[in-house]
Amino acid sequence: MEWIQRIMIKAQFGANASKYVVSPRHASGQDLKTLVEWAQPENAAQALDIATGGGHCALALASFVGEVTTLDITTEMLQEAEVFLTKKGCTNIRYVVGDAENLPFAKEQFDMVSCRIAAHHFPDPDRFVEEAWRVLKYGGSFILMDNISPEADRHPL
């Protein structure tokens, strides 16, 4: 059943990729300012931005890390993010098509992993967190920001 969800997610987000770059909700907000505050002192060599969307989180990180790898399940989203980030002068960005629940990276590859306003779309959020943890170096930072929380009966506090 999850493969059907992934096909639907790819179709929906691929068709709307250009809208995410210009979306005021995605392009700005206190959460991006907070992300910068958290990321700045980390001095990370390599960061991974999962479900990068329009690339706004990657843009916020690019000034504070050596290289940002952006990952998204849709090629169209990555293409839009690349155009946006290139226009912003970012030269330390990599673009990788991939699934947040099955990351195509080695264990402990990144100093920092971020995911902003996306995890609520993932069919298996627990699997996503396991994968983020797997690719994060020991002592690294995992920054997860979302605007929708899980159901109370699924993940009790």
N, C-alpha and C. Protein backbone atom coordinates (compact mmCIF):
# COMPACT_ATOMS: atom_id res chain seq x y z
N MET A 1 0.82 -1.19 0.00
CA MET A 1 0.00 0.00 0.00
C MET A 1 0.86 1.26 0.00
N GLU A 2 2.01 1.22 0.67
CA GLU A 2 2.86 2.40 0.74
C GLU A 2 3.38 2.81 -0.64
N TRP A 3 3.59 1.86 -1.54
CA TRP A 3 4.08 2.21 -2.87
C TRP A 3 3.05 3.03 -3.63
N ILE A 4 1.77 2.77 -3.39
CA ILE A 4 0.72 3.58 -4.01
C ILE A 4 0.78 5.01 -3.47
N GLN A 5 0.97 5.14 -2.16
CA GLN A 5 1.10 6.47 -1.56
C GLN A 5 2.28 7.22 -2.16
N ARG A 6 3.38 6.54 -2.36
CA ARG A 6 4.57 7.19 -2.91
C ARG A 6 4.31 7.67 -4.34
N ILE A 7 3.62 6.88 -5.12
CA ILE A 7 3.28 7.29 -6.48
C ILE A 7 2.40 8.53 -6.45
N MET A 8 1.43 8.54 -5.57
CA MET A 8 0.53 9.69 -5.45
C MET A 8 1.29 10.93 -4.95
N ILE A 9 2.19 10.75 -4.01
CA ILE A 9 2.99 11.86 -3.49
C ILE A 9 3.86 12.44 -4.60
N LYS A 10 4.52 11.57 -5.36
CA LYS A 10 5.36 12.05 -6.47
C LYS A 10 4.54 12.85 -7.47
N ALA A 11 3.37 12.34 -7.82
CA ALA A 11 2.51 13.03 -8.80
C ALA A 11 2.05 14.38 -8.27
N GLN A 12 1.59 14.42 -7.03
CA GLN A 12 1.07 15.65 -6.45
C GLN A 12 2.16 16.71 -6.32
N PHE A 13 3.28 16.35 -5.74
CA PHE A 13 4.32 17.33 -5.49
C PHE A 13 5.10 17.68 -6.76
N GLY A 14 5.25 16.72 -7.64
CA GLY A 14 5.91 17.01 -8.91
C GLY A 14 5.14 18.03 -9.73
N ALA A 15 3.83 17.90 -9.75
CA ALA A 15 2.98 18.82 -10.51
C ALA A 15 2.95 20.22 -9.91
N ASN A 16 3.24 20.34 -8.64
CA ASN A 16 3.16 21.64 -7.95
C ASN A 16 4.51 22.16 -7.50
N ALA A 17 5.58 21.61 -8.03
CA ALA A 17 6.93 21.95 -7.56
C ALA A 17 7.23 23.44 -7.61
N SER A 18 6.87 24.11 -8.68
CA SER A 18 7.22 25.53 -8.82
C SER A 18 6.52 26.39 -7.77
N LYS A 19 5.39 25.94 -7.28
CA LYS A 19 4.64 26.70 -6.27
C LYS A 19 5.36 26.75 -4.92
N TYR A 20 6.15 25.74 -4.63
CA TYR A 20 6.83 25.68 -3.35
C TYR A 20 7.96 26.70 -3.24
N VAL A 21 8.57 27.04 -4.35
CA VAL A 21 9.64 28.04 -4.33
C VAL A 21 9.09 29.41 -3.96
N VAL A 22 7.91 29.75 -4.46
CA VAL A 22 7.34 31.09 -4.24
C VAL A 22 6.35 31.15 -3.09
N SER A 23 6.02 30.04 -2.50
CA SER A 23 5.07 30.00 -1.39
C SER A 23 5.58 30.80 -0.19
N PRO A 24 4.84 31.83 0.25
CA PRO A 24 5.29 32.61 1.42
C PRO A 24 5.48 31.74 2.67
N ARG A 25 4.63 30.74 2.86
CA ARG A 25 4.73 29.86 4.03
C ARG A 25 6.04 29.08 4.04
N HIS A 26 6.48 28.68 2.86
CA HIS A 26 7.70 27.90 2.76
C HIS A 26 8.95 28.77 2.66
N ALA A 27 8.80 29.96 2.09
CA ALA A 27 9.95 30.83 1.83
C ALA A 27 10.39 31.64 3.04
N SER A 28 9.53 31.75 4.04
CA SER A 28 9.89 32.58 5.20
C SER A 28 9.24 32.01 6.45
N GLY A 29 9.49 32.68 7.56
CA GLY A 29 8.88 32.26 8.81
C GLY A 29 9.87 32.21 9.95
N GLN A 30 9.34 32.26 11.14
CA GLN A 30 10.18 32.21 12.34
C GLN A 30 10.95 30.89 12.41
N ASP A 31 10.37 29.83 11.88
CA ASP A 31 11.07 28.54 11.94
C ASP A 31 12.38 28.57 11.16
N LEU A 32 12.44 29.29 10.05
CA LEU A 32 13.70 29.41 9.31
C LEU A 32 14.73 30.21 10.12
N LYS A 33 14.27 31.24 10.80
CA LYS A 33 15.16 32.02 11.65
C LYS A 33 15.70 31.15 12.79
N THR A 34 14.83 30.34 13.37
CA THR A 34 15.24 29.43 14.44
C THR A 34 16.23 28.40 13.91
N LEU A 35 15.98 27.89 12.72
CA LEU A 35 16.90 26.93 12.09
C LEU A 35 18.30 27.53 11.97
N VAL A 36 18.38 28.77 11.51
CA VAL A 36 19.67 29.44 11.39
C VAL A 36 20.34 29.57 12.76
N GLU A 37 19.57 29.95 13.77
CA GLU A 37 20.12 30.07 15.13
C GLU A 37 20.68 28.75 15.62
N TRP A 38 19.99 27.66 15.32
CA TRP A 38 20.45 26.34 15.76
C TRP A 38 21.63 25.84 14.93
N ALA A 39 21.63 26.13 13.62
CA ALA A 39 22.64 25.59 12.72
C ALA A 39 23.95 26.35 12.79
N GLN A 40 23.89 27.64 13.01
CA GLN A 40 25.08 28.49 12.95
C GLN A 40 26.24 28.00 13.82
N PRO A 41 26.02 27.67 15.07
CA PRO A 41 27.16 27.25 15.90
C PRO A 41 27.63 25.82 15.63
N GLU A 42 26.90 25.07 14.84
CA GLU A 42 27.24 23.66 14.63
C GLU A 42 28.50 23.47 13.79
N ASN A 43 28.77 24.38 12.87
CA ASN A 43 29.97 24.30 12.05
C ASN A 43 30.05 22.95 11.32
N ALA A 44 28.96 22.50 10.75
CA ALA A 44 28.88 21.20 10.10
C ALA A 44 29.59 21.21 8.74
N ALA A 45 30.30 20.14 8.46
CA ALA A 45 30.93 19.99 7.16
C ALA A 45 29.90 19.56 6.12
N GLN A 46 29.03 18.61 6.51
CA GLN A 46 28.02 18.09 5.59
C GLN A 46 26.65 18.06 6.26
N ALA A 47 25.68 18.65 5.57
CA ALA A 47 24.30 18.64 6.05
C ALA A 47 23.42 17.98 5.00
N LEU A 48 22.36 17.36 5.47
CA LEU A 48 21.36 16.75 4.59
C LEU A 48 20.03 17.41 4.88
N ASP A 49 19.37 17.91 3.84
CA ASP A 49 18.04 18.48 3.97
C ASP A 49 17.06 17.52 3.29
N ILE A 50 16.29 16.80 4.11
CA ILE A 50 15.36 15.79 3.62
C ILE A 50 14.05 16.45 3.21
N ALA A 51 13.54 16.05 2.03
CA ALA A 51 12.31 16.62 1.46
C ALA A 51 12.48 18.13 1.31
N THR A 52 13.48 18.51 0.59
CA THR A 52 13.89 19.91 0.49
C THR A 52 12.84 20.83 -0.10
N GLY A 53 11.92 20.29 -0.89
CA GLY A 53 10.89 21.15 -1.48
C GLY A 53 11.52 22.22 -2.34
N GLY A 54 11.15 23.48 -2.10
CA GLY A 54 11.69 24.59 -2.87
C GLY A 54 13.12 24.96 -2.53
N GLY A 55 13.69 24.37 -1.49
CA GLY A 55 15.09 24.60 -1.14
C GLY A 55 15.33 25.68 -0.10
N HIS A 56 14.28 26.14 0.57
CA HIS A 56 14.43 27.24 1.53
C HIS A 56 15.26 26.86 2.76
N CYS A 57 15.08 25.66 3.24
CA CYS A 57 15.87 25.18 4.38
C CYS A 57 17.34 25.03 3.96
N ALA A 58 17.57 24.50 2.78
CA ALA A 58 18.93 24.37 2.26
C ALA A 58 19.59 25.73 2.12
N LEU A 59 18.83 26.72 1.66
CA LEU A 59 19.34 28.08 1.54
C LEU A 59 19.76 28.62 2.91
N ALA A 60 18.94 28.38 3.91
CA ALA A 60 19.25 28.85 5.26
C ALA A 60 20.52 28.17 5.81
N LEU A 61 20.73 26.93 5.46
CA LEU A 61 21.89 26.19 5.96
C LEU A 61 23.17 26.47 5.17
N ALA A 62 23.05 26.82 3.91
CA ALA A 62 24.20 26.90 3.00
C ALA A 62 25.32 27.81 3.49
N SER A 63 24.98 28.85 4.22
CA SER A 63 26.01 29.78 4.71
C SER A 63 26.79 29.23 5.90
N PHE A 64 26.27 28.17 6.53
CA PHE A 64 26.86 27.70 7.78
C PHE A 64 27.46 26.31 7.70
N VAL A 65 27.36 25.67 6.54
CA VAL A 65 27.91 24.31 6.40
C VAL A 65 28.76 24.24 5.14
N GLY A 66 29.64 23.28 5.11
CA GLY A 66 30.50 23.11 3.94
C GLY A 66 29.73 22.71 2.71
N GLU A 67 28.85 21.71 2.85
CA GLU A 67 28.04 21.23 1.72
C GLU A 67 26.67 20.81 2.24
N VAL A 68 25.65 21.20 1.50
CA VAL A 68 24.28 20.78 1.80
C VAL A 68 23.83 19.82 0.71
N THR A 69 23.41 18.65 1.11
CA THR A 69 22.81 17.70 0.18
C THR A 69 21.30 17.83 0.33
N THR A 70 20.65 18.18 -0.77
CA THR A 70 19.20 18.26 -0.76
C THR A 70 18.66 16.95 -1.30
N LEU A 71 17.62 16.46 -0.66
CA LEU A 71 16.99 15.21 -1.08
C LEU A 71 15.50 15.46 -1.22
N ASP A 72 14.93 14.96 -2.31
CA ASP A 72 13.48 15.02 -2.48
C ASP A 72 13.06 13.82 -3.30
N ILE A 73 11.83 13.41 -3.13
CA ILE A 73 11.31 12.24 -3.83
C ILE A 73 10.95 12.56 -5.28
N THR A 74 10.83 13.85 -5.60
CA THR A 74 10.44 14.24 -6.96
C THR A 74 11.58 14.98 -7.67
N THR A 75 11.84 14.57 -8.88
CA THR A 75 12.84 15.23 -9.72
C THR A 75 12.44 16.68 -9.98
N GLU A 76 11.16 16.90 -10.22
CA GLU A 76 10.68 18.26 -10.51
C GLU A 76 10.96 19.22 -9.36
N MET A 77 10.76 18.75 -8.14
CA MET A 77 11.01 19.60 -6.98
C MET A 77 12.50 19.95 -6.89
N LEU A 78 13.35 18.98 -7.12
CA LEU A 78 14.79 19.24 -7.08
C LEU A 78 15.22 20.19 -8.19
N GLN A 79 14.62 20.07 -9.35
CA GLN A 79 14.95 20.98 -10.45
C GLN A 79 14.57 22.42 -10.10
N GLU A 80 13.39 22.59 -9.52
CA GLU A 80 12.96 23.93 -9.10
C GLU A 80 13.87 24.48 -8.00
N ALA A 81 14.22 23.62 -7.05
CA ALA A 81 15.11 24.04 -5.97
C ALA A 81 16.48 24.43 -6.52
N GLU A 82 16.98 23.68 -7.48
CA GLU A 82 18.29 23.98 -8.05
C GLU A 82 18.28 25.34 -8.75
N VAL A 83 17.25 25.63 -9.51
CA VAL A 83 17.15 26.94 -10.18
C VAL A 83 17.12 28.05 -9.12
N PHE A 84 16.28 27.88 -8.10
CA PHE A 84 16.15 28.86 -7.03
C PHE A 84 17.47 29.08 -6.29
N LEU A 85 18.11 28.00 -5.88
CA LEU A 85 19.34 28.11 -5.10
C LEU A 85 20.51 28.64 -5.93
N THR A 86 20.54 28.30 -7.20
CA THR A 86 21.58 28.83 -8.09
C THR A 86 21.42 30.33 -8.24
N LYS A 87 20.17 30.79 -8.41
CA LYS A 87 19.91 32.24 -8.50
C LYS A 87 20.30 32.96 -7.22
N LYS A 88 20.23 32.26 -6.09
CA LYS A 88 20.61 32.84 -4.80
C LYS A 88 22.13 32.80 -4.56
N GLY A 89 22.86 32.22 -5.51
CA GLY A 89 24.31 32.20 -5.41
C GLY A 89 24.89 31.01 -4.66
N CYS A 90 24.08 30.03 -4.37
CA CYS A 90 24.57 28.84 -3.63
C CYS A 90 25.39 27.96 -4.56
N THR A 91 26.59 27.65 -4.13
CA THR A 91 27.47 26.79 -4.92
C THR A 91 27.86 25.51 -4.18
N ASN A 92 27.38 25.36 -2.96
CA ASN A 92 27.76 24.21 -2.14
C ASN A 92 26.58 23.26 -1.90
N ILE A 93 25.76 23.08 -2.93
CA ILE A 93 24.56 22.26 -2.82
C ILE A 93 24.65 21.08 -3.78
N ARG A 94 24.27 19.89 -3.28
CA ARG A 94 24.11 18.68 -4.11
C ARG A 94 22.64 18.36 -4.17
N TYR A 95 22.18 17.74 -5.24
CA TYR A 95 20.77 17.41 -5.43
C TYR A 95 20.63 15.92 -5.67
N VAL A 96 19.84 15.26 -4.80
CA VAL A 96 19.70 13.81 -4.86
C VAL A 96 18.22 13.46 -4.82
N VAL A 97 17.78 12.66 -5.79
CA VAL A 97 16.42 12.13 -5.77
C VAL A 97 16.42 10.92 -4.85
N GLY A 98 15.49 10.90 -3.89
CA GLY A 98 15.44 9.78 -2.97
C GLY A 98 14.26 9.85 -2.04
N ASP A 99 14.05 8.77 -1.35
CA ASP A 99 12.93 8.58 -0.44
C ASP A 99 13.39 8.80 1.00
N ALA A 100 12.66 9.61 1.74
CA ALA A 100 13.00 9.93 3.13
C ALA A 100 13.00 8.69 4.02
N GLU A 101 12.30 7.66 3.62
CA GLU A 101 12.21 6.45 4.43
C GLU A 101 13.20 5.37 3.99
N ASN A 102 13.99 5.67 2.99
CA ASN A 102 15.01 4.75 2.51
C ASN A 102 16.14 5.58 1.91
N LEU A 103 16.88 6.27 2.77
CA LEU A 103 17.88 7.24 2.33
C LEU A 103 19.04 6.55 1.61
N PRO A 104 19.44 7.08 0.46
CA PRO A 104 20.52 6.47 -0.33
C PRO A 104 21.91 6.94 0.09
N PHE A 105 22.17 6.91 1.39
CA PHE A 105 23.43 7.41 1.93
C PHE A 105 24.00 6.40 2.93
N ALA A 106 25.30 6.52 3.15
CA ALA A 106 25.99 5.64 4.09
C ALA A 106 25.65 6.00 5.53
N LYS A 107 25.86 5.06 6.40
CA LYS A 107 25.68 5.27 7.83
C LYS A 107 26.64 6.37 8.30
N GLU A 108 26.13 7.25 9.17
CA GLU A 108 26.92 8.32 9.78
C GLU A 108 27.66 9.19 8.75
N GLN A 109 26.95 9.59 7.71
CA GLN A 109 27.56 10.40 6.65
C GLN A 109 27.46 11.91 6.90
N PHE A 110 26.45 12.35 7.67
CA PHE A 110 26.18 13.78 7.80
C PHE A 110 26.35 14.28 9.23
N ASP A 111 26.86 15.51 9.35
CA ASP A 111 27.00 16.17 10.64
C ASP A 111 25.67 16.74 11.11
N MET A 112 24.81 17.04 10.15
CA MET A 112 23.51 17.64 10.46
C MET A 112 22.49 17.11 9.46
N VAL A 113 21.30 16.82 9.98
CA VAL A 113 20.18 16.40 9.14
C VAL A 113 19.00 17.30 9.50
N SER A 114 18.34 17.82 8.47
CA SER A 114 17.17 18.67 8.70
C SER A 114 16.00 18.18 7.86
N CYS A 115 14.82 18.51 8.34
CA CYS A 115 13.59 18.25 7.60
C CYS A 115 12.57 19.28 8.09
N ARG A 116 12.05 20.08 7.17
CA ARG A 116 11.17 21.19 7.54
C ARG A 116 9.85 21.10 6.76
N ILE A 117 8.77 21.12 7.46
CA ILE A 117 7.40 21.15 6.92
C ILE A 117 7.17 20.03 5.90
N ALA A 118 7.57 18.82 6.23
CA ALA A 118 7.41 17.73 5.27
C ALA A 118 7.05 16.39 5.90
N ALA A 119 7.52 16.13 7.10
CA ALA A 119 7.39 14.78 7.67
C ALA A 119 5.94 14.31 7.77
N HIS A 120 5.00 15.23 7.89
CA HIS A 120 3.59 14.83 7.98
C HIS A 120 3.09 14.20 6.67
N HIS A 121 3.84 14.33 5.58
CA HIS A 121 3.48 13.71 4.31
C HIS A 121 4.02 12.29 4.17
N PHE A 122 4.94 11.89 5.03
CA PHE A 122 5.58 10.59 4.88
C PHE A 122 4.65 9.47 5.33
N PRO A 123 4.54 8.40 4.53
CA PRO A 123 3.68 7.28 4.90
C PRO A 123 4.09 6.62 6.22
N ASP A 124 5.40 6.56 6.51
CA ASP A 124 5.89 5.91 7.72
C ASP A 124 6.89 6.84 8.42
N PRO A 125 6.39 7.82 9.21
CA PRO A 125 7.29 8.78 9.85
C PRO A 125 8.32 8.13 10.78
N ASP A 126 7.96 7.03 11.41
CA ASP A 126 8.91 6.34 12.28
C ASP A 126 10.12 5.85 11.47
N ARG A 127 9.85 5.32 10.31
CA ARG A 127 10.93 4.83 9.44
C ARG A 127 11.82 5.99 8.99
N PHE A 128 11.21 7.14 8.68
CA PHE A 128 11.96 8.33 8.31
C PHE A 128 12.93 8.73 9.44
N VAL A 129 12.46 8.74 10.68
CA VAL A 129 13.31 9.12 11.81
C VAL A 129 14.44 8.12 11.97
N GLU A 130 14.17 6.84 11.81
CA GLU A 130 15.21 5.81 11.88
C GLU A 130 16.28 6.05 10.82
N GLU A 131 15.85 6.38 9.61
CA GLU A 131 16.80 6.63 8.52
C GLU A 131 17.61 7.90 8.77
N ALA A 132 16.96 8.95 9.25
CA ALA A 132 17.68 10.19 9.57
C ALA A 132 18.75 9.91 10.62
N TRP A 133 18.39 9.14 11.62
CA TRP A 133 19.33 8.78 12.69
C TRP A 133 20.49 7.95 12.14
N ARG A 134 20.19 7.05 11.21
CA ARG A 134 21.22 6.16 10.62
C ARG A 134 22.29 6.96 9.89
N VAL A 135 21.89 7.99 9.13
CA VAL A 135 22.86 8.73 8.32
C VAL A 135 23.54 9.87 9.10
N LEU A 136 23.07 10.13 10.31
CA LEU A 136 23.63 11.20 11.15
C LEU A 136 24.85 10.70 11.91
N LYS A 137 25.94 11.47 11.85
CA LYS A 137 27.14 11.12 12.61
C LYS A 137 26.87 11.21 14.10
N TYR A 138 27.59 10.40 14.86
CA TYR A 138 27.48 10.44 16.30
C TYR A 138 27.79 11.87 16.78
N GLY A 139 26.91 12.41 17.60
CA GLY A 139 27.08 13.77 18.10
C GLY A 139 26.54 14.84 17.17
N GLY A 140 25.98 14.43 16.03
CA GLY A 140 25.43 15.39 15.07
C GLY A 140 24.08 15.93 15.51
N SER A 141 23.54 16.83 14.71
CA SER A 141 22.26 17.48 15.03
C SER A 141 21.18 17.07 14.03
N PHE A 142 20.03 16.73 14.56
CA PHE A 142 18.85 16.40 13.75
C PHE A 142 17.81 17.46 14.06
N ILE A 143 17.48 18.27 13.06
CA ILE A 143 16.52 19.35 13.23
C ILE A 143 15.27 19.00 12.43
N LEU A 144 14.19 18.73 13.16
CA LEU A 144 12.91 18.37 12.55
C LEU A 144 11.90 19.44 12.91
N MET A 145 11.36 20.10 11.89
CA MET A 145 10.35 21.14 12.10
C MET A 145 9.15 20.78 11.24
N ASP A 146 7.98 20.81 11.86
CA ASP A 146 6.77 20.51 11.09
C ASP A 146 5.62 21.33 11.65
N ASN A 147 4.57 21.45 10.87
CA ASN A 147 3.42 22.24 11.29
C ASN A 147 2.21 21.38 11.61
N ILE A 148 2.37 20.07 11.56
CA ILE A 148 1.31 19.13 11.90
C ILE A 148 1.92 18.06 12.78
N SER A 149 1.28 17.78 13.91
CA SER A 149 1.81 16.76 14.81
C SER A 149 1.07 15.45 14.62
N PRO A 150 1.69 14.34 15.02
CA PRO A 150 1.04 13.03 14.89
C PRO A 150 -0.21 12.94 15.76
N GLU A 151 -1.05 12.00 15.42
CA GLU A 151 -2.25 11.74 16.20
C GLU A 151 -1.86 11.29 17.60
N ALA A 152 -2.60 11.74 18.61
CA ALA A 152 -2.28 11.42 20.00
C ALA A 152 -2.30 9.92 20.28
N ASP A 153 -3.22 9.19 19.68
CA ASP A 153 -3.30 7.76 19.97
C ASP A 153 -2.19 6.97 19.28
N ARG A 154 -1.56 7.53 18.28
CA ARG A 154 -0.48 6.83 17.59
C ARG A 154 0.85 7.04 18.29
N HIS A 155 1.11 8.27 18.73
CA HIS A 155 2.38 8.60 19.39
C HIS A 155 2.06 9.35 20.69
N PRO A 156 1.76 8.62 21.75
CA PRO A 156 1.44 9.30 23.01
C PRO A 156 2.63 10.09 23.54
N LEU A 157 2.35 11.20 24.17
CA LEU A 157 3.40 12.05 24.73
C LEU A 157 3.92 11.51 26.04
